[in-house]
Amino acid sequence: MFLASAKKLRSFGIIGMNQRNFGLIARYNPRRLYPLVDDKLKTKLLAQQAGITVPELLGTVQYQHDVRLLKEILDPHAQFVIKPVKGSGGKGILVITEHEHNLYFKPSGDALQLRDIERHVSNILSGLHSLGGKPDMVMIESLIQLDPVFADYSYQGIPDLRIIVFRGYPIMAMLRLTTHASDGKANLHQGAVGVGIDMGSGSALHAVQYGEPVLFHPDTRKTFSELVIPHWDKLLQLAAACYEMTGLGYLGADIVLDRDHGPMIIELNARPGLSIQVANAAGLAPRVTIIESIQEIDPDPQSRAAFSKQQFAIDSVNEPPRELRTRRDDRAM
């Protein structure tokens, strides 16, 4: 992995944790607004009020004594996703793709019994996967159906798109692709592939797994050079609209493409990570500077998305520094 001094990273426009925490999160995200995104159920209801499509809510479990009601909630559904309402980093998410008799099958094909799911839900309620380990709630959602455009770029799971939105303007995007290593989850720390996306066209720029450059999906062997995300304008507009929805000045919008319902918001994050810079081989700092220079924020999300599309297209921004490009190319060979 390429290592550089803090001074050199700053010269590349890379934003570090301190700058993110104090220069962006603390400055632009009022703490009173955090519950709107830290609580996934509140986020879902907020999105529905704003007319934004989200996965269908099939049920909730709030207390330990309600775990016994799980069978009644799950029986009508062949597929579903169980999530901690206050979870983070994809922890505690359980995906079931097939339900047959008394068995529930994960994307990997592993079978679970009802008691296994009850134990998992009980652990969520106890706070095992929540922020700060506090008691949590469980929400059960419909399973998103894979858009055919990603059929060759994902393994046993649904990819999602992370778009960083600053003062209402989308400034950087990354596609997270599920792999065997990530157990079908779009989580970079667990082995998903992060693909940097050109803000102008929605096409793939660079890809990394475990922070190292890759040219093709590790399981399907499909190269990323042909990957273009459909509905790109709509996705940018959807991300931009999350500014009005939450009031947060710096956020990460996680969006999926459903085969039947199109773009959906699945989660918003008030503390988005910085690995998106690695996937794009580019720093956030120059883009932040451009948006900070805007005196009056355009009130129209569509206009803000159009501005970002033009301003941050690959033809409009600087190429990664030569040292990064050389190191990336050497690793790819």
C-alpha atoms as a PDB file:
ATOM      1  CA  MET A   1       0.000   0.000   0.000  1.00  0.00           C
ATOM      2  CA  PHE A   2       1.239   3.476  -0.862  1.00  0.00           C
ATOM      3  CA  LEU A   3       2.325   5.435   2.220  1.00  0.00           C
ATOM      4  CA  ALA A   4       2.970   9.160   2.341  1.00  0.00           C
ATOM      5  CA  SER A   5       3.563  11.863   4.922  1.00  0.00           C
ATOM      6  CA  ALA A   6       0.650  13.944   6.185  1.00  0.00           C
ATOM      7  CA  LYS A   7       2.066  16.951   4.347  1.00  0.00           C
ATOM      8  CA  LYS A   8       2.244  15.083   1.047  1.00  0.00           C
ATOM      9  CA  LEU A   9      -1.270  13.694   1.456  1.00  0.00           C
ATOM     10  CA  ARG A  10      -2.565  17.227   2.036  1.00  0.00           C
ATOM     11  CA  SER A  11      -0.820  18.321  -1.153  1.00  0.00           C
ATOM     12  CA  PHE A  12      -2.791  15.595  -2.942  1.00  0.00           C
ATOM     13  CA  GLY A  13      -6.017  17.023  -1.536  1.00  0.00           C
ATOM     14  CA  ILE A  14      -6.596  14.085   0.810  1.00  0.00           C
ATOM     15  CA  ILE A  15      -8.800  14.839   3.812  1.00  0.00           C
ATOM     16  CA  GLY A  16      -7.834  13.076   7.052  1.00  0.00           C
ATOM     17  CA  MET A  17      -9.900  12.092  10.075  1.00  0.00           C
ATOM     18  CA  ASN A  18      -9.212  15.265  12.075  1.00  0.00           C
ATOM     19  CA  GLN A  19     -10.113  17.528   9.184  1.00  0.00           C
ATOM     20  CA  ARG A  20     -13.250  15.504   8.530  1.00  0.00           C
ATOM     21  CA  ASN A  21     -14.313  15.487  12.181  1.00  0.00           C
ATOM     22  CA  PHE A  22     -13.675  19.146  12.969  1.00  0.00           C
ATOM     23  CA  GLY A  23     -13.682  20.920   9.606  1.00  0.00           C
ATOM     24  CA  LEU A  24     -16.717  19.160   8.144  1.00  0.00           C
ATOM     25  CA  ILE A  25     -18.794  17.125  10.596  1.00  0.00           C
ATOM     26  CA  ALA A  26     -18.595  19.433  13.622  1.00  0.00           C
ATOM     27  CA  ARG A  27     -18.907  22.566  11.493  1.00  0.00           C
ATOM     28  CA  TYR A  28     -21.724  21.573   9.142  1.00  0.00           C
ATOM     29  CA  ASN A  29     -23.713  18.904  11.036  1.00  0.00           C
ATOM     30  CA  PRO A  30     -25.658  20.189  14.058  1.00  0.00           C
ATOM     31  CA  ARG A  31     -25.749  17.425  16.678  1.00  0.00           C
ATOM     32  CA  ARG A  32     -29.500  17.838  17.136  1.00  0.00           C
ATOM     33  CA  LEU A  33     -29.948  16.458  13.599  1.00  0.00           C
ATOM     34  CA  TYR A  34     -27.935  13.256  14.139  1.00  0.00           C
ATOM     35  CA  PRO A  35     -30.958  11.195  15.259  1.00  0.00           C
ATOM     36  CA  LEU A  36     -32.522  11.731  11.841  1.00  0.00           C
ATOM     37  CA  VAL A  37     -29.833   9.531  10.265  1.00  0.00           C
ATOM     38  CA  ASP A  38     -28.483   7.493  13.185  1.00  0.00           C
ATOM     39  CA  ASP A  39     -31.933   5.943  13.542  1.00  0.00           C
ATOM     40  CA  LYS A  40     -32.667   4.073  10.282  1.00  0.00           C
ATOM     41  CA  LEU A  41     -36.373   3.895  11.019  1.00  0.00           C
ATOM     42  CA  LYS A  42     -36.565   7.678  11.383  1.00  0.00           C
ATOM     43  CA  THR A  43     -34.584   8.051   8.151  1.00  0.00           C
ATOM     44  CA  LYS A  44     -37.021   5.773   6.328  1.00  0.00           C
ATOM     45  CA  LEU A  45     -40.067   7.685   7.553  1.00  0.00           C
ATOM     46  CA  LEU A  46     -38.408  11.010   6.730  1.00  0.00           C
ATOM     47  CA  ALA A  47     -37.625   9.830   3.185  1.00  0.00           C
ATOM     48  CA  GLN A  48     -41.196   8.639   2.662  1.00  0.00           C
ATOM     49  CA  GLN A  49     -42.506  12.040   3.776  1.00  0.00           C
ATOM     50  CA  ALA A  50     -40.184  13.651   1.212  1.00  0.00           C
ATOM     51  CA  GLY A  51     -41.501  11.359  -1.530  1.00  0.00           C
ATOM     52  CA  ILE A  52     -38.226   9.417  -1.792  1.00  0.00           C
ATOM     53  CA  THR A  53     -38.445   5.691  -2.516  1.00  0.00           C
ATOM     54  CA  VAL A  54     -37.149   3.336   0.193  1.00  0.00           C
ATOM     55  CA  PRO A  55     -37.349  -0.458   0.683  1.00  0.00           C
ATOM     56  CA  GLU A  56     -40.699  -1.613   2.073  1.00  0.00           C
ATOM     57  CA  LEU A  57     -40.893  -1.998   5.840  1.00  0.00           C
ATOM     58  CA  LEU A  58     -42.222  -5.484   6.667  1.00  0.00           C
ATOM     59  CA  GLY A  59     -42.120  -5.245  10.434  1.00  0.00           C
ATOM     60  CA  THR A  60     -40.280  -4.135  13.568  1.00  0.00           C
ATOM     61  CA  VAL A  61     -39.256  -5.736  16.834  1.00  0.00           C
ATOM     62  CA  GLN A  62     -38.723  -3.424  19.791  1.00  0.00           C
ATOM     63  CA  TYR A  63     -38.580  -5.586  22.925  1.00  0.00           C
ATOM     64  CA  GLN A  64     -37.093  -8.952  23.862  1.00  0.00           C
ATOM     65  CA  HIS A  65     -40.523 -10.410  24.623  1.00  0.00           C
ATOM     66  CA  ASP A  66     -41.566  -9.583  21.046  1.00  0.00           C
ATOM     67  CA  VAL A  67     -38.955 -11.962  19.594  1.00  0.00           C
ATOM     68  CA  ARG A  68     -41.556 -14.731  19.840  1.00  0.00           C
ATOM     69  CA  LEU A  69     -43.595 -12.868  17.202  1.00  0.00           C
ATOM     70  CA  LEU A  70     -40.865 -13.243  14.583  1.00  0.00           C
ATOM     71  CA  LYS A  71     -42.329 -16.344  12.954  1.00  0.00           C
ATOM     72  CA  GLU A  72     -45.624 -14.521  12.410  1.00  0.00           C
ATOM     73  CA  ILE A  73     -43.798 -11.561  10.821  1.00  0.00           C
ATOM     74  CA  LEU A  74     -41.493 -13.635   8.622  1.00  0.00           C
ATOM     75  CA  ASP A  75     -43.780 -16.438   7.433  1.00  0.00           C
ATOM     76  CA  PRO A  76     -45.463 -14.436   4.626  1.00  0.00           C
ATOM     77  CA  HIS A  77     -42.130 -13.466   3.080  1.00  0.00           C
ATOM     78  CA  ALA A  78     -39.740 -15.604   1.045  1.00  0.00           C
ATOM     79  CA  GLN A  79     -37.031 -12.930   1.140  1.00  0.00           C
ATOM     80  CA  PHE A  80     -36.206 -10.190   3.628  1.00  0.00           C
ATOM     81  CA  VAL A  81     -33.458  -8.220   5.367  1.00  0.00           C
ATOM     82  CA  ILE A  82     -33.082  -7.825   9.137  1.00  0.00           C
ATOM     83  CA  LYS A  83     -31.309  -4.656  10.296  1.00  0.00           C
ATOM     84  CA  PRO A  84     -30.435  -2.964  13.577  1.00  0.00           C
ATOM     85  CA  VAL A  85     -32.163   0.413  13.607  1.00  0.00           C
ATOM     86  CA  LYS A  86     -29.078   2.096  15.104  1.00  0.00           C
ATOM     87  CA  GLY A  87     -26.364  -0.100  13.615  1.00  0.00           C
ATOM     88  CA  SER A  88     -23.304   1.153  11.774  1.00  0.00           C
ATOM     89  CA  GLY A  89     -20.823  -0.160   9.211  1.00  0.00           C
ATOM     90  CA  GLY A  90     -23.186  -2.884   8.020  1.00  0.00           C
ATOM     91  CA  LYS A  91     -22.902  -4.746  11.318  1.00  0.00           C
ATOM     92  CA  GLY A  92     -25.826  -6.933  12.322  1.00  0.00           C
ATOM     93  CA  ILE A  93     -27.473  -6.992   8.898  1.00  0.00           C
ATOM     94  CA  LEU A  94     -28.884 -10.410   8.026  1.00  0.00           C
ATOM     95  CA  VAL A  95     -30.009 -11.110   4.455  1.00  0.00           C
ATOM     96  CA  ILE A  96     -32.362 -13.999   3.698  1.00  0.00           C
ATOM     97  CA  THR A  97     -32.856 -14.844   0.027  1.00  0.00           C
ATOM     98  CA  GLU A  98     -34.996 -17.971   0.386  1.00  0.00           C
ATOM     99  CA  HIS A  99     -37.457 -19.269   2.968  1.00  0.00           C
ATOM    100  CA  GLU A 100     -38.501 -22.907   2.644  1.00  0.00           C
ATOM    101  CA  HIS A 101     -40.464 -24.724   5.348  1.00  0.00           C
ATOM    102  CA  ASN A 102     -38.534 -24.079   8.572  1.00  0.00           C
ATOM    103  CA  LEU A 103     -35.251 -23.098   6.931  1.00  0.00           C
ATOM    104  CA  TYR A 104     -34.000 -19.643   5.985  1.00  0.00           C
ATOM    105  CA  PHE A 105     -31.179 -19.387   3.443  1.00  0.00           C
ATOM    106  CA  LYS A 106     -28.499 -16.689   3.310  1.00  0.00           C
ATOM    107  CA  PRO A 107     -27.019 -15.522  -0.049  1.00  0.00           C
ATOM    108  CA  SER A 108     -24.116 -17.943   0.526  1.00  0.00           C
ATOM    109  CA  GLY A 109     -26.532 -20.863   0.694  1.00  0.00           C
ATOM    110  CA  ASP A 110     -26.022 -21.395   4.418  1.00  0.00           C
ATOM    111  CA  ALA A 111     -29.255 -22.446   6.112  1.00  0.00           C
ATOM    112  CA  LEU A 112     -30.580 -20.991   9.353  1.00  0.00           C
ATOM    113  CA  GLN A 113     -33.395 -22.162  11.564  1.00  0.00           C
ATOM    114  CA  LEU A 114     -35.902 -19.881  13.226  1.00  0.00           C
ATOM    115  CA  ARG A 115     -34.076 -20.116  16.538  1.00  0.00           C
ATOM    116  CA  ASP A 116     -30.905 -18.823  14.825  1.00  0.00           C
ATOM    117  CA  ILE A 117     -32.770 -15.764  13.574  1.00  0.00           C
ATOM    118  CA  GLU A 118     -34.393 -15.269  16.982  1.00  0.00           C
ATOM    119  CA  ARG A 119     -30.959 -15.319  18.599  1.00  0.00           C
ATOM    120  CA  HIS A 120     -29.659 -12.804  16.043  1.00  0.00           C
ATOM    121  CA  VAL A 121     -32.610 -10.470  16.662  1.00  0.00           C
ATOM    122  CA  SER A 122     -32.185 -10.812  20.425  1.00  0.00           C
ATOM    123  CA  ASN A 123     -28.514  -9.815  20.082  1.00  0.00           C
ATOM    124  CA  ILE A 124     -29.495  -6.740  18.079  1.00  0.00           C
ATOM    125  CA  LEU A 125     -32.045  -5.709  20.707  1.00  0.00           C
ATOM    126  CA  SER A 126     -29.399  -6.040  23.423  1.00  0.00           C
ATOM    127  CA  GLY A 127     -27.200  -3.520  21.580  1.00  0.00           C
ATOM    128  CA  LEU A 128     -24.556  -5.870  20.192  1.00  0.00           C
ATOM    129  CA  HIS A 129     -24.433  -3.981  16.864  1.00  0.00           C
ATOM    130  CA  SER A 130     -25.634  -0.496  17.844  1.00  0.00           C
ATOM    131  CA  LEU A 131     -23.711   2.754  18.183  1.00  0.00           C
ATOM    132  CA  GLY A 132     -22.320   2.829  21.717  1.00  0.00           C
ATOM    133  CA  GLY A 133     -23.732  -0.604  22.542  1.00  0.00           C
ATOM    134  CA  LYS A 134     -27.083   0.842  23.590  1.00  0.00           C
ATOM    135  CA  PRO A 135     -30.336  -1.191  23.422  1.00  0.00           C
ATOM    136  CA  ASP A 136     -31.675  -1.168  19.885  1.00  0.00           C
ATOM    137  CA  MET A 137     -34.671  -1.948  17.702  1.00  0.00           C
ATOM    138  CA  VAL A 138     -34.950  -4.297  14.742  1.00  0.00           C
ATOM    139  CA  MET A 139     -36.491  -3.467  11.402  1.00  0.00           C
ATOM    140  CA  ILE A 140     -37.327  -6.022   8.735  1.00  0.00           C
ATOM    141  CA  GLU A 141     -37.338  -4.809   5.138  1.00  0.00           C
ATOM    142  CA  SER A 142     -38.141  -6.234   1.742  1.00  0.00           C
ATOM    143  CA  LEU A 143     -35.115  -7.583  -0.122  1.00  0.00           C
ATOM    144  CA  ILE A 144     -33.852  -5.361  -2.906  1.00  0.00           C
ATOM    145  CA  GLN A 145     -33.773  -7.086  -6.288  1.00  0.00           C
ATOM    146  CA  LEU A 146     -30.492  -6.890  -8.211  1.00  0.00           C
ATOM    147  CA  ASP A 147     -30.530  -4.591 -11.227  1.00  0.00           C
ATOM    148  CA  PRO A 148     -29.313  -6.633 -14.238  1.00  0.00           C
ATOM    149  CA  VAL A 149     -26.638  -4.006 -14.981  1.00  0.00           C
ATOM    150  CA  PHE A 150     -24.752  -5.255 -11.905  1.00  0.00           C
ATOM    151  CA  ALA A 151     -25.219  -8.982 -12.531  1.00  0.00           C
ATOM    152  CA  ASP A 152     -21.556  -9.449 -13.532  1.00  0.00           C
ATOM    153  CA  TYR A 153     -20.193  -7.074 -10.901  1.00  0.00           C
ATOM    154  CA  SER A 154     -21.630  -8.459  -7.706  1.00  0.00           C
ATOM    155  CA  TYR A 155     -21.422 -11.735  -5.810  1.00  0.00           C
ATOM    156  CA  GLN A 156     -24.397 -12.998  -3.786  1.00  0.00           C
ATOM    157  CA  GLY A 157     -25.546  -9.559  -2.750  1.00  0.00           C
ATOM    158  CA  ILE A 158     -26.696  -6.081  -3.718  1.00  0.00           C
ATOM    159  CA  PRO A 159     -24.153  -3.334  -4.494  1.00  0.00           C
ATOM    160  CA  ASP A 160     -24.790   0.168  -3.238  1.00  0.00           C
ATOM    161  CA  LEU A 161     -23.672   3.626  -4.226  1.00  0.00           C
ATOM    162  CA  ARG A 162     -22.183   6.004  -1.639  1.00  0.00           C
ATOM    163  CA  ILE A 163     -22.402   9.673  -2.631  1.00  0.00           C
ATOM    164  CA  ILE A 164     -20.821  12.355  -0.455  1.00  0.00           C
ATOM    165  CA  VAL A 165     -23.047  15.440  -0.332  1.00  0.00           C
ATOM    166  CA  PHE A 166     -21.572  18.728   0.905  1.00  0.00           C
ATOM    167  CA  ARG A 167     -23.835  21.729   1.475  1.00  0.00           C
ATOM    168  CA  GLY A 168     -26.363  20.028  -0.777  1.00  0.00           C
ATOM    169  CA  TYR A 169     -23.922  19.379  -3.646  1.00  0.00           C
ATOM    170  CA  PRO A 170     -22.834  15.810  -4.532  1.00  0.00           C
ATOM    171  CA  ILE A 171     -19.030  15.946  -4.634  1.00  0.00           C
ATOM    172  CA  MET A 172     -17.746  12.354  -4.851  1.00  0.00           C
ATOM    173  CA  ALA A 173     -19.199   8.895  -5.485  1.00  0.00           C
ATOM    174  CA  MET A 174     -18.178   5.291  -4.952  1.00  0.00           C
ATOM    175  CA  LEU A 175     -19.868   2.023  -5.879  1.00  0.00           C
ATOM    176  CA  ARG A 176     -19.463  -0.771  -3.316  1.00  0.00           C
ATOM    177  CA  LEU A 177     -19.623  -4.236  -4.854  1.00  0.00           C
ATOM    178  CA  THR A 178     -20.318  -7.372  -2.844  1.00  0.00           C
ATOM    179  CA  THR A 179     -17.871 -10.281  -2.934  1.00  0.00           C
ATOM    180  CA  HIS A 180     -17.444 -13.771  -1.523  1.00  0.00           C
ATOM    181  CA  ALA A 181     -15.021 -12.316   1.007  1.00  0.00           C
ATOM    182  CA  SER A 182     -17.607  -9.762   2.192  1.00  0.00           C
ATOM    183  CA  ASP A 183     -20.286 -12.489   2.570  1.00  0.00           C
ATOM    184  CA  GLY A 184     -22.493 -10.725   0.045  1.00  0.00           C
ATOM    185  CA  LYS A 185     -22.399  -7.406   1.935  1.00  0.00           C
ATOM    186  CA  ALA A 186     -21.380  -4.054   0.436  1.00  0.00           C
ATOM    187  CA  ASN A 187     -18.885  -3.385   3.231  1.00  0.00           C
ATOM    188  CA  LEU A 188     -15.328  -2.395   2.269  1.00  0.00           C
ATOM    189  CA  HIS A 189     -13.852  -3.453   5.621  1.00  0.00           C
ATOM    190  CA  GLN A 190     -15.238  -6.953   5.093  1.00  0.00           C
ATOM    191  CA  GLY A 191     -13.824  -7.284   1.576  1.00  0.00           C
ATOM    192  CA  ALA A 192     -16.250  -5.555  -0.777  1.00  0.00           C
ATOM    193  CA  VAL A 193     -14.761  -3.761  -3.792  1.00  0.00           C
ATOM    194  CA  GLY A 194     -14.905   0.037  -3.860  1.00  0.00           C
ATOM    195  CA  VAL A 195     -15.169   1.572  -7.327  1.00  0.00           C
ATOM    196  CA  GLY A 196     -14.580   5.294  -7.825  1.00  0.00           C
ATOM    197  CA  ILE A 197     -17.162   6.852 -10.118  1.00  0.00           C
ATOM    198  CA  ASP A 198     -16.833   9.757 -12.560  1.00  0.00           C
ATOM    199  CA  MET A 199     -19.267  12.427 -11.387  1.00  0.00           C
ATOM    200  CA  GLY A 200     -19.847  13.541 -14.950  1.00  0.00           C
ATOM    201  CA  SER A 201     -20.826  10.259 -16.563  1.00  0.00           C
ATOM    202  CA  GLY A 202     -21.393   7.621 -13.873  1.00  0.00           C
ATOM    203  CA  SER A 203     -18.636   5.446 -15.338  1.00  0.00           C
ATOM    204  CA  ALA A 204     -16.047   3.540 -13.313  1.00  0.00           C
ATOM    205  CA  LEU A 205     -12.663   5.203 -12.759  1.00  0.00           C
ATOM    206  CA  HIS A 206     -10.653   3.055 -10.341  1.00  0.00           C
ATOM    207  CA  ALA A 207     -11.325   0.078  -8.076  1.00  0.00           C
ATOM    208  CA  VAL A 208      -9.812  -1.161  -4.826  1.00  0.00           C
ATOM    209  CA  GLN A 209     -10.228  -4.127  -2.507  1.00  0.00           C
ATOM    210  CA  TYR A 210      -8.685  -3.964   0.976  1.00  0.00           C
ATOM    211  CA  GLY A 211      -7.157  -0.662  -0.155  1.00  0.00           C
ATOM    212  CA  GLU A 212      -5.265  -2.249  -3.065  1.00  0.00           C
ATOM    213  CA  PRO A 213      -6.029  -1.527  -6.757  1.00  0.00           C
ATOM    214  CA  VAL A 214      -7.918  -4.194  -8.718  1.00  0.00           C
ATOM    215  CA  LEU A 215      -8.901  -4.303 -12.366  1.00  0.00           C
ATOM    216  CA  PHE A 216     -11.708  -6.874 -12.216  1.00  0.00           C
ATOM    217  CA  HIS A 217     -14.181  -8.345  -9.759  1.00  0.00           C
ATOM    218  CA  PRO A 218     -12.393 -11.021  -7.679  1.00  0.00           C
ATOM    219  CA  ASP A 219     -15.244 -13.542  -8.035  1.00  0.00           C
ATOM    220  CA  THR A 220     -16.885 -12.885 -11.408  1.00  0.00           C
ATOM    221  CA  ARG A 221     -13.612 -11.766 -13.080  1.00  0.00           C
ATOM    222  CA  LYS A 222     -15.527  -9.046 -14.923  1.00  0.00           C
ATOM    223  CA  THR A 223     -13.366  -6.008 -15.662  1.00  0.00           C
ATOM    224  CA  PHE A 224     -14.523  -2.620 -14.396  1.00  0.00           C
ATOM    225  CA  SER A 225     -13.589  -0.697 -17.534  1.00  0.00           C
ATOM    226  CA  GLU A 226     -17.068  -1.238 -19.036  1.00  0.00           C
ATOM    227  CA  LEU A 227     -19.051  -0.400 -15.910  1.00  0.00           C
ATOM    228  CA  VAL A 228     -21.430   2.565 -16.216  1.00  0.00           C
ATOM    229  CA  ILE A 229     -24.136   3.262 -13.644  1.00  0.00           C
ATOM    230  CA  PRO A 230     -27.570   3.897 -15.202  1.00  0.00           C
ATOM    231  CA  HIS A 231     -29.977   6.652 -14.082  1.00  0.00           C
ATOM    232  CA  TRP A 232     -26.939   8.755 -13.164  1.00  0.00           C
ATOM    233  CA  ASP A 233     -28.691  12.146 -13.270  1.00  0.00           C
ATOM    234  CA  LYS A 234     -31.530  10.846 -11.105  1.00  0.00           C
ATOM    235  CA  LEU A 235     -29.094   9.364  -8.592  1.00  0.00           C
ATOM    236  CA  LEU A 236     -27.252  12.664  -8.218  1.00  0.00           C
ATOM    237  CA  GLN A 237     -30.532  14.528  -7.779  1.00  0.00           C
ATOM    238  CA  LEU A 238     -31.687  12.004  -5.195  1.00  0.00           C
ATOM    239  CA  ALA A 239     -28.478  12.440  -3.205  1.00  0.00           C
ATOM    240  CA  ALA A 240     -28.676  16.238  -3.448  1.00  0.00           C
ATOM    241  CA  ALA A 241     -32.256  16.199  -2.113  1.00  0.00           C
ATOM    242  CA  CYS A 242     -31.039  14.553   1.109  1.00  0.00           C
ATOM    243  CA  TYR A 243     -29.719  17.980   2.145  1.00  0.00           C
ATOM    244  CA  GLU A 244     -33.230  19.404   2.407  1.00  0.00           C
ATOM    245  CA  MET A 245     -34.484  16.174   3.935  1.00  0.00           C
ATOM    246  CA  THR A 246     -32.007  16.182   6.842  1.00  0.00           C
ATOM    247  CA  GLY A 247     -30.453  19.651   7.103  1.00  0.00           C
ATOM    248  CA  LEU A 248     -27.007  18.023   7.329  1.00  0.00           C
ATOM    249  CA  GLY A 249     -24.250  19.891   5.519  1.00  0.00           C
ATOM    250  CA  TYR A 250     -21.911  16.924   5.195  1.00  0.00           C
ATOM    251  CA  LEU A 251     -23.426  13.488   4.688  1.00  0.00           C
ATOM    252  CA  GLY A 252     -23.104  10.186   2.903  1.00  0.00           C
ATOM    253  CA  ALA A 253     -26.142   9.006   0.940  1.00  0.00           C
ATOM    254  CA  ASP A 254     -26.297   5.260   0.336  1.00  0.00           C
ATOM    255  CA  ILE A 255     -28.427   4.398  -2.683  1.00  0.00           C
ATOM    256  CA  VAL A 256     -29.311   1.132  -4.408  1.00  0.00           C
ATOM    257  CA  LEU A 257     -30.787   0.356  -7.795  1.00  0.00           C
ATOM    258  CA  ASP A 258     -33.722  -2.017  -7.491  1.00  0.00           C
ATOM    259  CA  ARG A 259     -34.675  -4.044 -10.558  1.00  0.00           C
ATOM    260  CA  ASP A 260     -38.363  -3.251 -10.151  1.00  0.00           C
ATOM    261  CA  HIS A 261     -38.457   0.116  -8.353  1.00  0.00           C
ATOM    262  CA  GLY A 262     -35.314   1.906  -9.529  1.00  0.00           C
ATOM    263  CA  PRO A 263     -33.161   4.086  -7.241  1.00  0.00           C
ATOM    264  CA  MET A 264     -33.827   3.803  -3.497  1.00  0.00           C
ATOM    265  CA  ILE A 265     -32.282   5.429  -0.436  1.00  0.00           C
ATOM    266  CA  ILE A 266     -31.246   2.745   2.046  1.00  0.00           C
ATOM    267  CA  GLU A 267     -29.282   4.796   4.560  1.00  0.00           C
ATOM    268  CA  LEU A 268     -27.861   8.237   5.329  1.00  0.00           C
ATOM    269  CA  ASN A 269     -24.696   8.803   7.317  1.00  0.00           C
ATOM    270  CA  ALA A 270     -23.695  11.929   9.249  1.00  0.00           C
ATOM    271  CA  ARG A 271     -20.113  10.658   9.599  1.00  0.00           C
ATOM    272  CA  PRO A 272     -19.231   9.149   6.211  1.00  0.00           C
ATOM    273  CA  GLY A 273     -15.827   7.489   6.022  1.00  0.00           C
ATOM    274  CA  LEU A 274     -12.911   8.632   3.910  1.00  0.00           C
ATOM    275  CA  SER A 275     -12.141   5.467   1.935  1.00  0.00           C
ATOM    276  CA  ILE A 276     -14.077   6.971  -0.959  1.00  0.00           C
ATOM    277  CA  GLN A 277     -10.893   8.962  -1.668  1.00  0.00           C
ATOM    278  CA  VAL A 278      -8.916   5.731  -2.064  1.00  0.00           C
ATOM    279  CA  ALA A 279     -11.478   4.300  -4.483  1.00  0.00           C
ATOM    280  CA  ASN A 280     -11.355   7.490  -6.559  1.00  0.00           C
ATOM    281  CA  ALA A 281      -7.580   7.993  -6.257  1.00  0.00           C
ATOM    282  CA  ALA A 282      -8.456  11.601  -5.520  1.00  0.00           C
ATOM    283  CA  GLY A 283      -8.877  13.851  -2.499  1.00  0.00           C
ATOM    284  CA  LEU A 284     -12.038  15.514  -1.271  1.00  0.00           C
ATOM    285  CA  ALA A 285     -10.333  18.757  -0.236  1.00  0.00           C
ATOM    286  CA  PRO A 286     -10.342  20.561  -3.636  1.00  0.00           C
ATOM    287  CA  ARG A 287     -14.030  19.794  -4.102  1.00  0.00           C
ATOM    288  CA  VAL A 288     -14.860  20.937  -0.592  1.00  0.00           C
ATOM    289  CA  THR A 289     -13.033  24.208  -1.303  1.00  0.00           C
ATOM    290  CA  ILE A 290     -15.087  24.799  -4.448  1.00  0.00           C
ATOM    291  CA  ILE A 291     -18.389  24.287  -2.640  1.00  0.00           C
ATOM    292  CA  GLU A 292     -17.298  26.391   0.349  1.00  0.00           C
ATOM    293  CA  SER A 293     -16.648  29.258  -2.058  1.00  0.00           C
ATOM    294  CA  ILE A 294     -20.330  29.301  -3.080  1.00  0.00           C
ATOM    295  CA  GLN A 295     -21.968  32.229  -1.294  1.00  0.00           C
ATOM    296  CA  GLU A 296     -25.594  31.207  -1.759  1.00  0.00           C
ATOM    297  CA  ILE A 297     -26.628  27.566  -2.000  1.00  0.00           C
ATOM    298  CA  ASP A 298     -28.930  26.916  -4.946  1.00  0.00           C
ATOM    299  CA  PRO A 299     -32.334  25.930  -3.487  1.00  0.00           C
ATOM    300  CA  ASP A 300     -33.017  23.441  -6.289  1.00  0.00           C
ATOM    301  CA  PRO A 301     -31.505  19.922  -5.816  1.00  0.00           C
ATOM    302  CA  GLN A 302     -31.669  19.318  -9.566  1.00  0.00           C
ATOM    303  CA  SER A 303     -29.618  22.448 -10.272  1.00  0.00           C
ATOM    304  CA  ARG A 304     -27.079  21.509  -7.598  1.00  0.00           C
ATOM    305  CA  ALA A 305     -26.724  18.022  -9.095  1.00  0.00           C
ATOM    306  CA  ALA A 306     -26.189  19.529 -12.553  1.00  0.00           C
ATOM    307  CA  PHE A 307     -23.520  21.868 -11.162  1.00  0.00           C
ATOM    308  CA  SER A 308     -21.661  18.963  -9.530  1.00  0.00           C
ATOM    309  CA  LYS A 309     -21.933  16.832 -12.638  1.00  0.00           C
ATOM    310  CA  GLN A 310     -20.219  19.520 -14.691  1.00  0.00           C
ATOM    311  CA  GLN A 311     -17.781  20.771 -12.033  1.00  0.00           C
ATOM    312  CA  PHE A 312     -16.505  17.392 -10.848  1.00  0.00           C
ATOM    313  CA  ALA A 313     -16.490  15.420 -14.087  1.00  0.00           C
ATOM    314  CA  ILE A 314     -13.158  13.695 -14.676  1.00  0.00           C
ATOM    315  CA  ASP A 315     -12.414  16.119 -17.518  1.00  0.00           C
ATOM    316  CA  SER A 316     -12.924  19.047 -15.147  1.00  0.00           C
ATOM    317  CA  VAL A 317     -10.834  17.921 -12.176  1.00  0.00           C
ATOM    318  CA  ASN A 318      -7.140  17.258 -11.901  1.00  0.00           C
ATOM    319  CA  GLU A 319      -5.807  13.781 -12.547  1.00  0.00           C
ATOM    320  CA  PRO A 320      -4.356  11.993  -9.489  1.00  0.00           C
ATOM    321  CA  PRO A 321      -0.765  13.075  -8.737  1.00  0.00           C
ATOM    322  CA  ARG A 322       1.817  11.292 -10.854  1.00  0.00           C
ATOM    323  CA  GLU A 323       3.173   9.355  -7.872  1.00  0.00           C
ATOM    324  CA  LEU A 324      -0.271   7.900  -7.151  1.00  0.00           C
ATOM    325  CA  ARG A 325      -0.919   7.082 -10.797  1.00  0.00           C
ATOM    326  CA  THR A 326       2.434   5.353 -11.136  1.00  0.00           C
ATOM    327  CA  ARG A 327       1.959   3.335  -7.980  1.00  0.00           C
ATOM    328  CA  ARG A 328      -1.594   2.373  -9.040  1.00  0.00           C
ATOM    329  CA  ASP A 329      -0.454   1.280 -12.503  1.00  0.00           C
ATOM    330  CA  ASP A 330       2.454  -0.725 -11.077  1.00  0.00           C
ATOM    331  CA  ARG A 331       0.121  -2.573  -8.701  1.00  0.00           C
ATOM    332  CA  ALA A 332      -2.288  -3.382 -11.510  1.00  0.00           C
ATOM    333  CA  MET A 333       0.338  -5.066 -13.645  1.00  0.00           C
END
